[in-house]
Amino acid sequence: MSEIHEPGETFVVQPGTATSYWQPVPANGHIEVALDPSKVRMDNPLAFGTQTVPPGSHVREHSHDRHEEVIYFLKGKGRAVLDGKDVPAVPGTAIFVGKSRRHMFINDGTEDLHWVWLIVPNGLEDFFRLIGRPRMAGEPAPENFPRPENVLEIERQTVFAAQPKDQRQP
């Protein structure tokens, strides 16, 4: 006897319509959140989007103690640092980051570093919303702005593990 399953959802996000936020230093740039459970019903909650980091900027070293993450680089040239080991970040590079693995992304190239991210379960979209500023497609980038004073509390409430005492810098 076969089981009858209720069909899942379908959902489409067209270019320029994803939720987007400018990001504070040191990443600067912006993110887009295309998919998350606030947009479409999911049996296995995830969040999916893109991040763009300008030259000379970086995503500081961090880890996720309850989440797994996939990164796929689309444009630019930089470095991923995975548990202290440098890996080239160029178009076509795919990275899986398991729970509690330290990682950072550095744009040491001359153009924007742009990648797709997927995190399971979701929650990264909440972090981006809480530390960022709303962005409309096509608007000019604002002046660099600081992270909120309560960023460590926001990190703990979303998807981040506690910062290690020996956090690496680019």
Protein backbone atom coordinates (compact mmCIF):
# COMPACT_ATOMS: atom_id res chain seq x y z
CA MET A 1 0.00 0.00 0.00
CA SER A 2 1.46 3.37 -0.99
CA GLU A 3 1.27 6.48 1.14
CA ILE A 4 -0.50 9.54 -0.18
CA HIS A 5 1.48 12.72 0.34
CA GLU A 6 0.10 16.22 0.12
CA PRO A 7 1.92 18.22 -2.56
CA GLY A 8 4.39 20.79 -1.35
CA GLU A 9 4.51 24.44 -2.32
CA THR A 10 6.03 26.17 -5.30
CA PHE A 11 7.29 29.73 -5.00
CA VAL A 12 9.17 32.02 -7.40
CA VAL A 13 11.28 35.08 -6.66
CA GLN A 14 12.10 37.18 -9.70
CA PRO A 15 15.25 39.34 -10.01
CA GLY A 16 15.10 42.49 -7.90
CA THR A 17 12.23 41.27 -5.71
CA ALA A 18 14.06 39.40 -2.92
CA THR A 19 14.17 40.92 0.55
CA SER A 20 17.47 42.80 0.73
CA TYR A 21 19.57 44.51 3.40
CA TRP A 22 22.70 46.64 3.39
CA GLN A 23 25.27 45.11 5.72
CA PRO A 24 27.45 46.87 8.30
CA VAL A 25 31.23 46.76 8.62
CA PRO A 26 33.31 44.69 8.18
CA ALA A 27 31.28 42.96 5.42
CA ASN A 28 29.64 46.08 3.98
CA GLY A 29 27.89 45.27 0.71
CA HIS A 30 24.45 43.70 0.79
CA ILE A 31 22.51 40.48 1.05
CA GLU A 32 19.34 39.21 -0.54
CA VAL A 33 17.05 36.65 1.07
CA ALA A 34 15.15 34.86 -1.68
CA LEU A 35 13.61 31.98 0.30
CA ASP A 36 12.77 31.40 3.94
CA PRO A 37 9.78 30.04 5.89
CA SER A 38 8.19 33.50 6.14
CA LYS A 39 7.78 33.46 2.35
CA VAL A 40 6.76 29.87 1.63
CA ARG A 41 5.63 26.85 3.65
CA MET A 42 8.49 24.37 4.08
CA ASP A 43 8.61 20.94 5.68
CA ASN A 44 12.37 21.39 6.25
CA PRO A 45 13.00 25.05 7.09
CA LEU A 46 15.91 26.66 5.28
CA ALA A 47 17.00 30.09 4.12
CA PHE A 48 18.54 30.82 0.72
CA GLY A 49 19.96 33.97 -0.80
CA THR A 50 23.00 35.85 -2.01
CA GLN A 51 25.68 38.05 -0.47
CA THR A 52 27.84 40.67 -2.15
CA VAL A 53 30.99 41.92 -0.39
CA PRO A 54 32.99 44.81 -1.92
CA PRO A 55 36.79 44.79 -2.36
CA GLY A 56 38.70 45.16 0.91
CA SER A 57 35.79 43.90 3.02
CA HIS A 58 35.19 40.56 4.74
CA VAL A 59 32.74 38.41 6.65
CA ARG A 60 34.43 37.93 10.02
CA GLU A 61 35.30 34.48 11.33
CA HIS A 62 32.32 32.74 12.91
CA SER A 63 30.61 29.37 13.28
CA HIS A 64 27.08 28.00 13.55
CA ASP A 65 26.63 25.43 16.32
CA ARG A 66 23.17 24.26 15.18
CA HIS A 67 23.27 24.91 11.44
CA GLU A 68 24.87 23.65 8.24
CA GLU A 69 25.71 26.07 5.44
CA VAL A 70 26.46 25.84 1.73
CA ILE A 71 28.30 28.62 -0.15
CA TYR A 72 28.69 28.81 -3.93
CA PHE A 73 30.79 31.62 -5.40
CA LEU A 74 29.45 33.29 -8.55
CA LYS A 75 31.63 36.35 -9.19
CA GLY A 76 34.85 37.96 -8.03
CA LYS A 77 37.97 36.59 -6.41
CA GLY A 78 38.75 36.20 -2.74
CA ARG A 79 39.48 33.69 -0.01
CA ALA A 80 37.50 31.47 2.28
CA VAL A 81 39.26 30.63 5.53
CA LEU A 82 37.97 27.30 6.89
CA ASP A 83 39.23 26.39 10.36
CA GLY A 84 42.32 28.50 9.63
CA LYS A 85 43.03 27.08 6.16
CA ASP A 86 42.88 29.42 3.13
CA VAL A 87 40.87 28.23 0.14
CA PRO A 88 40.53 30.24 -3.09
CA ALA A 89 37.03 31.68 -3.53
CA VAL A 90 36.46 32.03 -7.27
CA PRO A 91 33.41 31.48 -9.49
CA GLY A 92 32.42 27.82 -9.28
CA THR A 93 33.90 27.18 -5.82
CA ALA A 94 31.38 25.27 -3.66
CA ILE A 95 31.84 24.94 0.10
CA PHE A 96 29.93 22.92 2.69
CA VAL A 97 30.35 24.19 6.26
CA GLY A 98 29.24 21.72 8.94
CA LYS A 99 28.11 22.59 12.45
CA SER A 100 30.66 24.39 14.64
CA ARG A 101 33.24 24.79 11.84
CA ARG A 102 34.92 28.20 11.87
CA HIS A 103 34.82 30.11 8.59
CA MET A 104 35.26 33.58 7.12
CA PHE A 105 35.14 35.09 3.64
CA ILE A 106 37.59 37.78 2.48
CA ASN A 107 37.37 39.89 -0.65
CA ASP A 108 41.00 40.65 -1.45
CA GLY A 109 40.19 41.07 -5.15
CA THR A 110 39.40 44.15 -7.21
CA GLU A 111 35.67 43.59 -7.82
CA ASP A 112 32.68 42.59 -5.72
CA LEU A 113 32.77 39.03 -4.34
CA HIS A 114 29.32 37.53 -4.88
CA TRP A 115 28.00 34.17 -3.67
CA VAL A 116 24.89 32.12 -3.05
CA TRP A 117 24.26 30.85 0.48
CA LEU A 118 21.94 28.20 1.89
CA ILE A 119 21.55 27.53 5.61
CA VAL A 120 19.66 24.68 7.29
CA PRO A 121 17.71 25.21 9.41
CA ASN A 122 16.87 28.80 8.63
CA GLY A 123 17.64 31.78 10.87
CA LEU A 124 20.41 33.63 9.04
CA GLU A 125 17.79 35.84 7.40
CA ASP A 126 16.80 37.10 10.87
CA PHE A 127 20.40 38.05 11.65
CA PHE A 128 20.74 39.98 8.38
CA ARG A 129 17.47 41.84 9.07
CA LEU A 130 18.43 42.72 12.64
CA ILE A 131 21.91 44.08 11.86
CA GLY A 132 21.27 45.50 8.39
CA ARG A 133 19.34 48.33 6.79
CA PRO A 134 16.57 47.77 4.23
CA ARG A 135 17.78 47.98 0.63
CA MET A 136 15.86 48.59 -2.57
CA ALA A 137 17.18 47.06 -5.81
CA GLY A 138 19.34 49.51 -7.74
CA GLU A 139 19.79 52.11 -5.00
CA PRO A 140 23.33 53.41 -4.36
CA ALA A 141 25.29 51.93 -1.47
CA PRO A 142 25.24 53.96 1.76
CA GLU A 143 28.37 55.04 3.60
CA ASN A 144 29.80 52.18 5.66
CA PHE A 145 27.97 51.90 8.97
CA PRO A 146 28.79 50.11 12.25
CA ARG A 147 27.27 46.92 13.55
CA PRO A 148 24.61 47.40 16.25
CA GLU A 149 25.97 47.67 19.80
CA ASN A 150 24.02 44.52 20.75
CA VAL A 151 25.38 42.45 17.84
CA LEU A 152 26.65 39.66 20.14
CA GLU A 153 23.17 39.28 21.62
CA ILE A 154 21.67 39.22 18.10
CA GLU A 155 24.18 36.55 17.09
CA ARG A 156 23.27 34.36 20.09
CA GLN A 157 19.54 34.74 19.35
CA THR A 158 19.92 33.73 15.70
CA VAL A 159 22.37 31.25 14.16
CA PHE A 160 25.81 31.90 15.63
CA ALA A 161 27.95 30.03 18.12
CA ALA A 162 29.79 32.04 20.79
CA GLN A 163 32.82 33.89 19.43
CA PRO A 164 36.09 32.09 20.16
CA LYS A 165 38.68 33.95 22.24
CA ASP A 166 41.20 33.37 19.44
CA GLN A 167 39.01 34.67 16.61
CA ARG A 168 41.13 35.02 13.47
CA GLN A 169 41.36 38.26 11.51
CA PRO A 170 41.88 38.55 7.73
